[in-house]
Amino acid sequence: MSSHQKDLFIFSVTIPLRHMWLWQDIVLTIINFGFLITAIPAIYRNYKHKEAKSQSLSMYLVTAVLLSVMAYVFLTLDMLLSCLSTAGTGIMWYFLTYQKIIYSK
């Protein structure tokens, strides 16, 4: 099997290894890690004060769901790094959603 024929299979989506390192993939990954880093203080503040007043529940949930969809789209475009970093950002938003539900009681 030549290097052009090797593929990575994830959830029945074929990812050709030769397309994994597009410059757009790297830029989007850096941007998503920036979003991840900026979410950490919000999560810590919510935990420390046991409240999540900054945004509505629907805003948290919609953002988390849309980031999950974006992660899947990046996967289908062979942009594995963007997929993983966007999924990580989505997980952070799901965590914020969870905090909103728990601390709003």
PDB file of N, CA and C in Angstrom:
ATOM      1  N   MET A   1       0.837  -1.159   0.000  1.00  0.00           N
ATOM      2  CA  MET A   1       0.000   0.000   0.000  1.00  0.00           C
ATOM      3  C   MET A   1       0.901   1.248   0.000  1.00  0.00           C
ATOM      4  N   SER A   2       0.726   2.140  -0.948  1.00  0.00           N
ATOM      5  CA  SER A   2       1.537   3.351  -1.006  1.00  0.00           C
ATOM      6  C   SER A   2       1.046   4.356   0.026  1.00  0.00           C
ATOM      7  N   SER A   3       1.857   5.406   0.269  1.00  0.00           N
ATOM      8  CA  SER A   3       1.469   6.403   1.275  1.00  0.00           C
ATOM      9  C   SER A   3       0.220   7.165   0.858  1.00  0.00           C
ATOM     10  N   HIS A   4      -0.087   7.213  -0.435  1.00  0.00           N
ATOM     11  CA  HIS A   4      -1.284   7.900  -0.895  1.00  0.00           C
ATOM     12  C   HIS A   4      -2.537   7.061  -0.692  1.00  0.00           C
ATOM     13  N   GLN A   5      -2.374   5.785  -0.417  1.00  0.00           N
ATOM     14  CA  GLN A   5      -3.525   4.917  -0.238  1.00  0.00           C
ATOM     15  C   GLN A   5      -3.855   4.678   1.233  1.00  0.00           C
ATOM     16  N   LYS A   6      -2.987   5.117   2.141  1.00  0.00           N
ATOM     17  CA  LYS A   6      -3.248   4.918   3.561  1.00  0.00           C
ATOM     18  C   LYS A   6      -4.284   5.924   4.025  1.00  0.00           C
ATOM     19  N   ASP A   7      -5.302   5.419   4.687  1.00  0.00           N
ATOM     20  CA  ASP A   7      -6.373   6.266   5.179  1.00  0.00           C
ATOM     21  C   ASP A   7      -6.604   5.973   6.655  1.00  0.00           C
ATOM     22  N   LEU A   8      -7.169   6.940   7.338  1.00  0.00           N
ATOM     23  CA  LEU A   8      -7.553   6.806   8.725  1.00  0.00           C
ATOM     24  C   LEU A   8      -9.071   6.733   8.772  1.00  0.00           C
ATOM     25  N   PHE A   9      -9.614   5.716   9.437  1.00  0.00           N
ATOM     26  CA  PHE A   9     -11.057   5.543   9.497  1.00  0.00           C
ATOM     27  C   PHE A   9     -11.568   5.921  10.882  1.00  0.00           C
ATOM     28  N   ILE A  10     -12.470   6.910  10.944  1.00  0.00           N
ATOM     29  CA  ILE A  10     -13.090   7.334  12.204  1.00  0.00           C
ATOM     30  C   ILE A  10     -14.582   7.472  11.945  1.00  0.00           C
ATOM     31  N   PHE A  11     -15.373   6.697  12.670  1.00  0.00           N
ATOM     32  CA  PHE A  11     -16.833   6.769  12.560  1.00  0.00           C
ATOM     33  C   PHE A  11     -17.291   6.691  11.108  1.00  0.00           C
ATOM     34  N   SER A  12     -16.760   5.786  10.361  1.00  0.00           N
ATOM     35  CA  SER A  12     -17.094   5.533   8.961  1.00  0.00           C
ATOM     36  C   SER A  12     -16.802   6.705   8.036  1.00  0.00           C
ATOM     37  N   VAL A  13     -15.988   7.652   8.491  1.00  0.00           N
ATOM     38  CA  VAL A  13     -15.540   8.756   7.642  1.00  0.00           C
ATOM     39  C   VAL A  13     -14.074   8.498   7.319  1.00  0.00           C
ATOM     40  N   THR A  14     -13.743   8.410   6.046  1.00  0.00           N
ATOM     41  CA  THR A  14     -12.377   8.162   5.634  1.00  0.00           C
ATOM     42  C   THR A  14     -11.603   9.479   5.615  1.00  0.00           C
ATOM     43  N   ILE A  15     -10.477   9.511   6.331  1.00  0.00           N
ATOM     44  CA  ILE A  15      -9.640  10.703   6.370  1.00  0.00           C
ATOM     45  C   ILE A  15      -8.315  10.364   5.690  1.00  0.00           C
ATOM     46  N   PRO A  16      -8.107  10.864   4.479  1.00  0.00           N
ATOM     47  CA  PRO A  16      -6.817  10.613   3.824  1.00  0.00           C
ATOM     48  C   PRO A  16      -5.704  11.300   4.604  1.00  0.00           C
ATOM     49  N   LEU A  17      -4.664  10.559   4.965  1.00  0.00           N
ATOM     50  CA  LEU A  17      -3.589  11.112   5.775  1.00  0.00           C
ATOM     51  C   LEU A  17      -2.835  12.232   5.059  1.00  0.00           C
ATOM     52  N   ARG A  18      -2.832  12.246   3.766  1.00  0.00           N
ATOM     53  CA  ARG A  18      -2.074  13.268   3.039  1.00  0.00           C
ATOM     54  C   ARG A  18      -2.718  14.649   3.136  1.00  0.00           C
ATOM     55  N   HIS A  19      -3.963  14.742   3.625  1.00  0.00           N
ATOM     56  CA  HIS A  19      -4.657  16.023   3.715  1.00  0.00           C
ATOM     57  C   HIS A  19      -4.803  16.516   5.151  1.00  0.00           C
ATOM     58  N   MET A  20      -4.123  15.919   6.102  1.00  0.00           N
ATOM     59  CA  MET A  20      -4.358  16.256   7.503  1.00  0.00           C
ATOM     60  C   MET A  20      -3.735  17.584   7.933  1.00  0.00           C
ATOM     61  N   TRP A  21      -2.763  18.108   7.232  1.00  0.00           N
ATOM     62  CA  TRP A  21      -2.025  19.257   7.744  1.00  0.00           C
ATOM     63  C   TRP A  21      -2.163  20.472   6.832  1.00  0.00           C
ATOM     64  N   LEU A  22      -3.365  20.834   6.470  1.00  0.00           N
ATOM     65  CA  LEU A  22      -3.614  22.041   5.706  1.00  0.00           C
ATOM     66  C   LEU A  22      -3.352  23.250   6.596  1.00  0.00           C
ATOM     67  N   TRP A  23      -2.891  24.360   6.011  1.00  0.00           N
ATOM     68  CA  TRP A  23      -2.612  25.546   6.825  1.00  0.00           C
ATOM     69  C   TRP A  23      -3.890  26.065   7.489  1.00  0.00           C
ATOM     70  N   GLN A  24      -5.032  25.917   6.810  1.00  0.00           N
ATOM     71  CA  GLN A  24      -6.300  26.356   7.388  1.00  0.00           C
ATOM     72  C   GLN A  24      -6.633  25.555   8.647  1.00  0.00           C
ATOM     73  N   ASP A  25      -6.281  24.276   8.617  1.00  0.00           N
ATOM     74  CA  ASP A  25      -6.512  23.406   9.760  1.00  0.00           C
ATOM     75  C   ASP A  25      -5.726  23.907  10.969  1.00  0.00           C
ATOM     76  N   ILE A  26      -4.489  24.294  10.746  1.00  0.00           N
ATOM     77  CA  ILE A  26      -3.635  24.773  11.833  1.00  0.00           C
ATOM     78  C   ILE A  26      -4.149  26.106  12.376  1.00  0.00           C
ATOM     79  N   VAL A  27      -4.535  27.023  11.496  1.00  0.00           N
ATOM     80  CA  VAL A  27      -5.048  28.324  11.936  1.00  0.00           C
ATOM     81  C   VAL A  27      -6.338  28.158  12.737  1.00  0.00           C
ATOM     82  N   LEU A  28      -7.268  27.352  12.242  1.00  0.00           N
ATOM     83  CA  LEU A  28      -8.525  27.123  12.961  1.00  0.00           C
ATOM     84  C   LEU A  28      -8.283  26.445  14.308  1.00  0.00           C
ATOM     85  N   THR A  29      -7.299  25.581  14.368  1.00  0.00           N
ATOM     86  CA  THR A  29      -6.957  24.914  15.621  1.00  0.00           C
ATOM     87  C   THR A  29      -6.439  25.919  16.639  1.00  0.00           C
ATOM     88  N   ILE A  30      -5.563  26.815  16.209  1.00  0.00           N
ATOM     89  CA  ILE A  30      -5.034  27.849  17.101  1.00  0.00           C
ATOM     90  C   ILE A  30      -6.166  28.734  17.615  1.00  0.00           C
ATOM     91  N   ILE A  31      -7.082  29.124  16.735  1.00  0.00           N
ATOM     92  CA  ILE A  31      -8.223  29.953  17.138  1.00  0.00           C
ATOM     93  C   ILE A  31      -9.084  29.220  18.168  1.00  0.00           C
ATOM     94  N   ASN A  32      -9.360  27.943  17.920  1.00  0.00           N
ATOM     95  CA  ASN A  32     -10.185  27.176  18.857  1.00  0.00           C
ATOM     96  C   ASN A  32      -9.507  27.002  20.205  1.00  0.00           C
ATOM     97  N   PHE A  33      -8.188  26.818  20.222  1.00  0.00           N
ATOM     98  CA  PHE A  33      -7.493  26.731  21.505  1.00  0.00           C
ATOM     99  C   PHE A  33      -7.557  28.064  22.236  1.00  0.00           C
ATOM    100  N   GLY A  34      -7.575  29.166  21.494  1.00  0.00           N
ATOM    101  CA  GLY A  34      -7.787  30.475  22.114  1.00  0.00           C
ATOM    102  C   GLY A  34      -9.132  30.544  22.796  1.00  0.00           C
ATOM    103  N   PHE A  35     -10.175  30.041  22.125  1.00  0.00           N
ATOM    104  CA  PHE A  35     -11.506  30.001  22.735  1.00  0.00           C
ATOM    105  C   PHE A  35     -11.520  29.110  23.984  1.00  0.00           C
ATOM    106  N   LEU A  36     -10.810  27.986  23.906  1.00  0.00           N
ATOM    107  CA  LEU A  36     -10.734  27.093  25.068  1.00  0.00           C
ATOM    108  C   LEU A  36     -10.111  27.806  26.259  1.00  0.00           C
ATOM    109  N   ILE A  37      -9.019  28.507  26.012  1.00  0.00           N
ATOM    110  CA  ILE A  37      -8.300  29.188  27.088  1.00  0.00           C
ATOM    111  C   ILE A  37      -9.159  30.290  27.702  1.00  0.00           C
ATOM    112  N   THR A  38      -9.903  31.017  26.862  1.00  0.00           N
ATOM    113  CA  THR A  38     -10.732  32.100  27.406  1.00  0.00           C
ATOM    114  C   THR A  38     -11.943  31.583  28.169  1.00  0.00           C
ATOM    115  N   ALA A  39     -12.349  30.346  27.953  1.00  0.00           N
ATOM    116  CA  ALA A  39     -13.490  29.784  28.675  1.00  0.00           C
ATOM    117  C   ALA A  39     -13.111  29.308  30.074  1.00  0.00           C
ATOM    118  N   ILE A  40     -11.854  29.027  30.292  1.00  0.00           N
ATOM    119  CA  ILE A  40     -11.415  28.495  31.589  1.00  0.00           C
ATOM    120  C   ILE A  40     -11.726  29.459  32.738  1.00  0.00           C
ATOM    121  N   PRO A  41     -11.426  30.766  32.634  1.00  0.00           N
ATOM    122  CA  PRO A  41     -11.779  31.664  33.751  1.00  0.00           C
ATOM    123  C   PRO A  41     -13.282  31.715  34.040  1.00  0.00           C
ATOM    124  N   ALA A  42     -14.111  31.631  33.004  1.00  0.00           N
ATOM    125  CA  ALA A  42     -15.562  31.639  33.217  1.00  0.00           C
ATOM    126  C   ALA A  42     -16.001  30.400  33.985  1.00  0.00           C
ATOM    127  N   ILE A  43     -15.456  29.260  33.612  1.00  0.00           N
ATOM    128  CA  ILE A  43     -15.800  28.021  34.313  1.00  0.00           C
ATOM    129  C   ILE A  43     -15.333  28.080  35.757  1.00  0.00           C
ATOM    130  N   TYR A  44     -14.126  28.600  35.973  1.00  0.00           N
ATOM    131  CA  TYR A  44     -13.597  28.711  37.339  1.00  0.00           C
ATOM    132  C   TYR A  44     -14.436  29.682  38.175  1.00  0.00           C
ATOM    133  N   ARG A  45     -14.798  30.821  37.587  1.00  0.00           N
ATOM    134  CA  ARG A  45     -15.611  31.810  38.309  1.00  0.00           C
ATOM    135  C   ARG A  45     -16.966  31.221  38.687  1.00  0.00           C
ATOM    136  N   ASN A  46     -17.585  30.517  37.730  1.00  0.00           N
ATOM    137  CA  ASN A  46     -18.875  29.878  38.024  1.00  0.00           C
ATOM    138  C   ASN A  46     -18.741  28.894  39.175  1.00  0.00           C
ATOM    139  N   TYR A  47     -17.666  28.109  39.156  1.00  0.00           N
ATOM    140  CA  TYR A  47     -17.441  27.118  40.199  1.00  0.00           C
ATOM    141  C   TYR A  47     -17.198  27.799  41.548  1.00  0.00           C
ATOM    142  N   LYS A  48     -16.379  28.841  41.535  1.00  0.00           N
ATOM    143  CA  LYS A  48     -16.012  29.522  42.777  1.00  0.00           C
ATOM    144  C   LYS A  48     -17.220  30.204  43.432  1.00  0.00           C
ATOM    145  N   HIS A  49     -18.048  30.853  42.640  1.00  0.00           N
ATOM    146  CA  HIS A  49     -19.194  31.584  43.172  1.00  0.00           C
ATOM    147  C   HIS A  49     -20.487  30.773  43.161  1.00  0.00           C
ATOM    148  N   LYS A  50     -20.442  29.575  42.614  1.00  0.00           N
ATOM    149  CA  LYS A  50     -21.618  28.697  42.515  1.00  0.00           C
ATOM    150  C   LYS A  50     -22.789  29.402  41.838  1.00  0.00           C
ATOM    151  N   GLU A  51     -22.476  30.135  40.780  1.00  0.00           N
ATOM    152  CA  GLU A  51     -23.505  30.802  39.996  1.00  0.00           C
ATOM    153  C   GLU A  51     -23.028  30.928  38.554  1.00  0.00           C
ATOM    154  N   ALA A  52     -23.974  31.020  37.643  1.00  0.00           N
ATOM    155  CA  ALA A  52     -23.676  31.189  36.212  1.00  0.00           C
ATOM    156  C   ALA A  52     -24.685  32.182  35.659  1.00  0.00           C
ATOM    157  N   LYS A  53     -24.419  33.455  35.881  1.00  0.00           N
ATOM    158  CA  LYS A  53     -25.384  34.487  35.529  1.00  0.00           C
ATOM    159  C   LYS A  53     -25.086  35.175  34.197  1.00  0.00           C
ATOM    160  N   SER A  54     -23.944  34.943  33.616  1.00  0.00           N
ATOM    161  CA  SER A  54     -23.512  35.782  32.494  1.00  0.00           C
ATOM    162  C   SER A  54     -24.345  35.626  31.221  1.00  0.00           C
ATOM    163  N   GLN A  55     -24.822  34.447  30.907  1.00  0.00           N
ATOM    164  CA  GLN A  55     -25.568  34.215  29.664  1.00  0.00           C
ATOM    165  C   GLN A  55     -26.789  33.348  29.947  1.00  0.00           C
ATOM    166  N   SER A  56     -27.677  33.294  28.960  1.00  0.00           N
ATOM    167  CA  SER A  56     -28.868  32.459  29.109  1.00  0.00           C
ATOM    168  C   SER A  56     -28.526  30.992  28.835  1.00  0.00           C
ATOM    169  N   LEU A  57     -29.344  30.115  29.368  1.00  0.00           N
ATOM    170  CA  LEU A  57     -29.163  28.685  29.154  1.00  0.00           C
ATOM    171  C   LEU A  57     -29.220  28.349  27.665  1.00  0.00           C
ATOM    172  N   SER A  58     -30.149  28.958  26.947  1.00  0.00           N
ATOM    173  CA  SER A  58     -30.268  28.651  25.515  1.00  0.00           C
ATOM    174  C   SER A  58     -29.014  29.059  24.750  1.00  0.00           C
ATOM    175  N   MET A  59     -28.378  30.148  25.145  1.00  0.00           N
ATOM    176  CA  MET A  59     -27.151  30.571  24.467  1.00  0.00           C
ATOM    177  C   MET A  59     -26.035  29.557  24.678  1.00  0.00           C
ATOM    178  N   TYR A  60     -25.886  29.062  25.921  1.00  0.00           N
ATOM    179  CA  TYR A  60     -24.883  28.040  26.205  1.00  0.00           C
ATOM    180  C   TYR A  60     -25.143  26.771  25.392  1.00  0.00           C
ATOM    181  N   LEU A  61     -26.381  26.317  25.428  1.00  0.00           N
ATOM    182  CA  LEU A  61     -26.724  25.056  24.776  1.00  0.00           C
ATOM    183  C   LEU A  61     -26.612  25.147  23.254  1.00  0.00           C
ATOM    184  N   VAL A  62     -27.119  26.207  22.664  1.00  0.00           N
ATOM    185  CA  VAL A  62     -27.046  26.365  21.209  1.00  0.00           C
ATOM    186  C   VAL A  62     -25.590  26.444  20.754  1.00  0.00           C
ATOM    187  N   THR A  63     -24.766  27.170  21.488  1.00  0.00           N
ATOM    188  CA  THR A  63     -23.347  27.264  21.128  1.00  0.00           C
ATOM    189  C   THR A  63     -22.684  25.897  21.186  1.00  0.00           C
ATOM    190  N   ALA A  64     -22.961  25.127  22.230  1.00  0.00           N
ATOM    191  CA  ALA A  64     -22.376  23.796  22.364  1.00  0.00           C
ATOM    192  C   ALA A  64     -22.796  22.879  21.215  1.00  0.00           C
ATOM    193  N   VAL A  65     -24.072  22.892  20.872  1.00  0.00           N
ATOM    194  CA  VAL A  65     -24.578  22.033  19.790  1.00  0.00           C
ATOM    195  C   VAL A  65     -23.970  22.453  18.443  1.00  0.00           C
ATOM    196  N   LEU A  66     -23.938  23.758  18.176  1.00  0.00           N
ATOM    197  CA  LEU A  66     -23.385  24.224  16.898  1.00  0.00           C
ATOM    198  C   LEU A  66     -21.890  23.917  16.781  1.00  0.00           C
ATOM    199  N   LEU A  67     -21.159  24.015  17.883  1.00  0.00           N
ATOM    200  CA  LEU A  67     -19.744  23.634  17.849  1.00  0.00           C
ATOM    201  C   LEU A  67     -19.590  22.140  17.586  1.00  0.00           C
ATOM    202  N   SER A  68     -20.499  21.332  18.097  1.00  0.00           N
ATOM    203  CA  SER A  68     -20.460  19.889  17.815  1.00  0.00           C
ATOM    204  C   SER A  68     -20.683  19.624  16.333  1.00  0.00           C
ATOM    205  N   VAL A  69     -21.618  20.338  15.734  1.00  0.00           N
ATOM    206  CA  VAL A  69     -21.869  20.200  14.293  1.00  0.00           C
ATOM    207  C   VAL A  69     -20.638  20.644  13.507  1.00  0.00           C
ATOM    208  N   MET A  70     -20.045  21.763  13.917  1.00  0.00           N
ATOM    209  CA  MET A  70     -18.840  22.247  13.233  1.00  0.00           C
ATOM    210  C   MET A  70     -17.712  21.217  13.314  1.00  0.00           C
ATOM    211  N   ALA A  71     -17.552  20.584  14.469  1.00  0.00           N
ATOM    212  CA  ALA A  71     -16.511  19.571  14.627  1.00  0.00           C
ATOM    213  C   ALA A  71     -16.725  18.433  13.633  1.00  0.00           C
ATOM    214  N   TYR A  72     -17.964  18.007  13.470  1.00  0.00           N
ATOM    215  CA  TYR A  72     -18.259  16.938  12.508  1.00  0.00           C
ATOM    216  C   TYR A  72     -17.975  17.399  11.076  1.00  0.00           C
ATOM    217  N   VAL A  73     -18.336  18.631  10.763  1.00  0.00           N
ATOM    218  CA  VAL A  73     -18.060  19.162   9.421  1.00  0.00           C
ATOM    219  C   VAL A  73     -16.562  19.177   9.158  1.00  0.00           C
ATOM    220  N   PHE A  74     -15.773  19.619  10.138  1.00  0.00           N
ATOM    221  CA  PHE A  74     -14.316  19.615   9.966  1.00  0.00           C
ATOM    222  C   PHE A  74     -13.795  18.198   9.757  1.00  0.00           C
ATOM    223  N   LEU A  75     -14.385  17.242  10.442  1.00  0.00           N
ATOM    224  CA  LEU A  75     -13.978  15.849  10.254  1.00  0.00           C
ATOM    225  C   LEU A  75     -14.232  15.396   8.824  1.00  0.00           C
ATOM    226  N   THR A  76     -15.378  15.760   8.280  1.00  0.00           N
ATOM    227  CA  THR A  76     -15.700  15.352   6.910  1.00  0.00           C
ATOM    228  C   THR A  76     -14.847  16.086   5.877  1.00  0.00           C
ATOM    229  N   LEU A  77     -14.246  17.204   6.265  1.00  0.00           N
ATOM    230  CA  LEU A  77     -13.358  17.954   5.367  1.00  0.00           C
ATOM    231  C   LEU A  77     -11.896  17.563   5.537  1.00  0.00           C
ATOM    232  N   ASP A  78     -11.652  16.485   6.273  1.00  0.00           N
ATOM    233  CA  ASP A  78     -10.293  15.987   6.516  1.00  0.00           C
ATOM    234  C   ASP A  78      -9.456  16.972   7.326  1.00  0.00           C
ATOM    235  N   MET A  79     -10.082  17.762   8.167  1.00  0.00           N
ATOM    236  CA  MET A  79      -9.369  18.725   9.009  1.00  0.00           C
ATOM    237  C   MET A  79      -9.413  18.216  10.451  1.00  0.00           C
ATOM    238  N   LEU A  80      -8.590  17.203  10.714  1.00  0.00           N
ATOM    239  CA  LEU A  80      -8.640  16.489  11.991  1.00  0.00           C
ATOM    240  C   LEU A  80      -8.292  17.385  13.178  1.00  0.00           C
ATOM    241  N   LEU A  81      -7.284  18.232  13.042  1.00  0.00           N
ATOM    242  CA  LEU A  81      -6.916  19.105  14.155  1.00  0.00           C
ATOM    243  C   LEU A  81      -8.049  20.070  14.496  1.00  0.00           C
ATOM    244  N   SER A  82      -8.662  20.659  13.477  1.00  0.00           N
ATOM    245  CA  SER A  82      -9.788  21.561  13.701  1.00  0.00           C
ATOM    246  C   SER A  82     -10.965  20.809  14.320  1.00  0.00           C
ATOM    247  N   CYS A  83     -11.179  19.603  13.880  1.00  0.00           N
ATOM    248  CA  CYS A  83     -12.242  18.770  14.434  1.00  0.00           C
ATOM    249  C   CYS A  83     -12.032  18.570  15.928  1.00  0.00           C
ATOM    250  N   LEU A  84     -10.830  18.180  16.314  1.00  0.00           N
ATOM    251  CA  LEU A  84     -10.552  17.903  17.722  1.00  0.00           C
ATOM    252  C   LEU A  84     -10.606  19.160  18.575  1.00  0.00           C
ATOM    253  N   SER A  85     -10.036  20.261  18.076  1.00  0.00           N
ATOM    254  CA  SER A  85     -10.041  21.491  18.871  1.00  0.00           C
ATOM    255  C   SER A  85     -11.450  22.078  18.968  1.00  0.00           C
ATOM    256  N   THR A  86     -12.234  21.982  17.909  1.00  0.00           N
ATOM    257  CA  THR A  86     -13.617  22.469  17.963  1.00  0.00           C
ATOM    258  C   THR A  86     -14.453  21.592  18.885  1.00  0.00           C
ATOM    259  N   ALA A  87     -14.221  20.295  18.848  1.00  0.00           N
ATOM    260  CA  ALA A  87     -14.918  19.395  19.773  1.00  0.00           C
ATOM    261  C   ALA A  87     -14.557  19.740  21.212  1.00  0.00           C
ATOM    262  N   GLY A  88     -13.290  20.041  21.464  1.00  0.00           N
ATOM    263  CA  GLY A  88     -12.869  20.453  22.808  1.00  0.00           C
ATOM    264  C   GLY A  88     -13.558  21.726  23.252  1.00  0.00           C
ATOM    265  N   THR A  89     -13.664  22.693  22.348  1.00  0.00           N
ATOM    266  CA  THR A  89     -14.365  23.940  22.663  1.00  0.00           C
ATOM    267  C   THR A  89     -15.844  23.656  22.929  1.00  0.00           C
ATOM    268  N   GLY A  90     -16.434  22.755  22.145  1.00  0.00           N
ATOM    269  CA  GLY A  90     -17.832  22.366  22.363  1.00  0.00           C
ATOM    270  C   GLY A  90     -18.029  21.730  23.734  1.00  0.00           C
ATOM    271  N   ILE A  91     -17.084  20.897  24.135  1.00  0.00           N
ATOM    272  CA  ILE A  91     -17.167  20.257  25.449  1.00  0.00           C
ATOM    273  C   ILE A  91     -17.129  21.311  26.554  1.00  0.00           C
ATOM    274  N   MET A  92     -16.293  22.326  26.377  1.00  0.00           N
ATOM    275  CA  MET A  92     -16.249  23.418  27.358  1.00  0.00           C
ATOM    276  C   MET A  92     -17.619  24.105  27.458  1.00  0.00           C
ATOM    277  N   TRP A  93     -18.274  24.315  26.305  1.00  0.00           N
ATOM    278  CA  TRP A  93     -19.594  24.951  26.319  1.00  0.00           C
ATOM    279  C   TRP A  93     -20.646  24.030  26.928  1.00  0.00           C
ATOM    280  N   TYR A  94     -20.532  22.712  26.713  1.00  0.00           N
ATOM    281  CA  TYR A  94     -21.442  21.792  27.400  1.00  0.00           C
ATOM    282  C   TYR A  94     -21.230  21.873  28.919  1.00  0.00           C
ATOM    283  N   PHE A  95     -19.967  22.030  29.317  1.00  0.00           N
ATOM    284  CA  PHE A  95     -19.667  22.153  30.734  1.00  0.00           C
ATOM    285  C   PHE A  95     -20.272  23.440  31.294  1.00  0.00           C
ATOM    286  N   LEU A  96     -20.170  24.546  30.550  1.00  0.00           N
ATOM    287  CA  LEU A  96     -20.806  25.798  30.965  1.00  0.00           C
ATOM    288  C   LEU A  96     -22.330  25.644  31.051  1.00  0.00           C
ATOM    289  N   THR A  97     -22.902  24.893  30.106  1.00  0.00           N
ATOM    290  CA  THR A  97     -24.342  24.625  30.127  1.00  0.00           C
ATOM    291  C   THR A  97     -24.712  23.855  31.390  1.00  0.00           C
ATOM    292  N   TYR A  98     -23.913  22.847  31.713  1.00  0.00           N
ATOM    293  CA  TYR A  98     -24.134  22.061  32.930  1.00  0.00           C
ATOM    294  C   TYR A  98     -24.079  22.954  34.166  1.00  0.00           C
ATOM    295  N   GLN A  99     -23.069  23.836  34.219  1.00  0.00           N
ATOM    296  CA  GLN A  99     -22.967  24.747  35.356  1.00  0.00           C
ATOM    297  C   GLN A  99     -24.199  25.659  35.441  1.00  0.00           C
ATOM    298  N   LYS A 100     -24.658  26.136  34.303  1.00  0.00           N
ATOM    299  CA  LYS A 100     -25.823  27.005  34.285  1.00  0.00           C
ATOM    300  C   LYS A 100     -27.039  26.293  34.881  1.00  0.00           C
ATOM    301  N   ILE A 101     -27.217  25.037  34.495  1.00  0.00           N
ATOM    302  CA  ILE A 101     -28.359  24.252  35.002  1.00  0.00           C
ATOM    303  C   ILE A 101     -28.216  24.014  36.503  1.00  0.00           C
ATOM    304  N   ILE A 102     -27.054  23.569  36.936  1.00  0.00           N
ATOM    305  CA  ILE A 102     -26.832  23.214  38.342  1.00  0.00           C
ATOM    306  C   ILE A 102     -26.897  24.442  39.251  1.00  0.00           C
ATOM    307  N   TYR A 103     -26.234  25.522  38.841  1.00  0.00           N
ATOM    308  CA  TYR A 103     -26.142  26.698  39.722  1.00  0.00           C
ATOM    309  C   TYR A 103     -27.358  27.615  39.639  1.00  0.00           C
ATOM    310  N   SER A 104     -28.271  27.345  38.708  1.00  0.00           N
ATOM    311  CA  SER A 104     -29.477  28.160  38.611  1.00  0.00           C
ATOM    312  C   SER A 104     -30.613  27.642  39.489  1.00  0.00           C
ATOM    313  N   LYS A 105     -30.389  26.535  40.159  1.00  0.00           N
ATOM    314  CA  LYS A 105     -31.437  25.937  41.002  1.00  0.00           C
ATOM    315  C   LYS A 105     -31.582  26.707  42.306  1.00  0.00           C
TER     316      LYS A 105
END
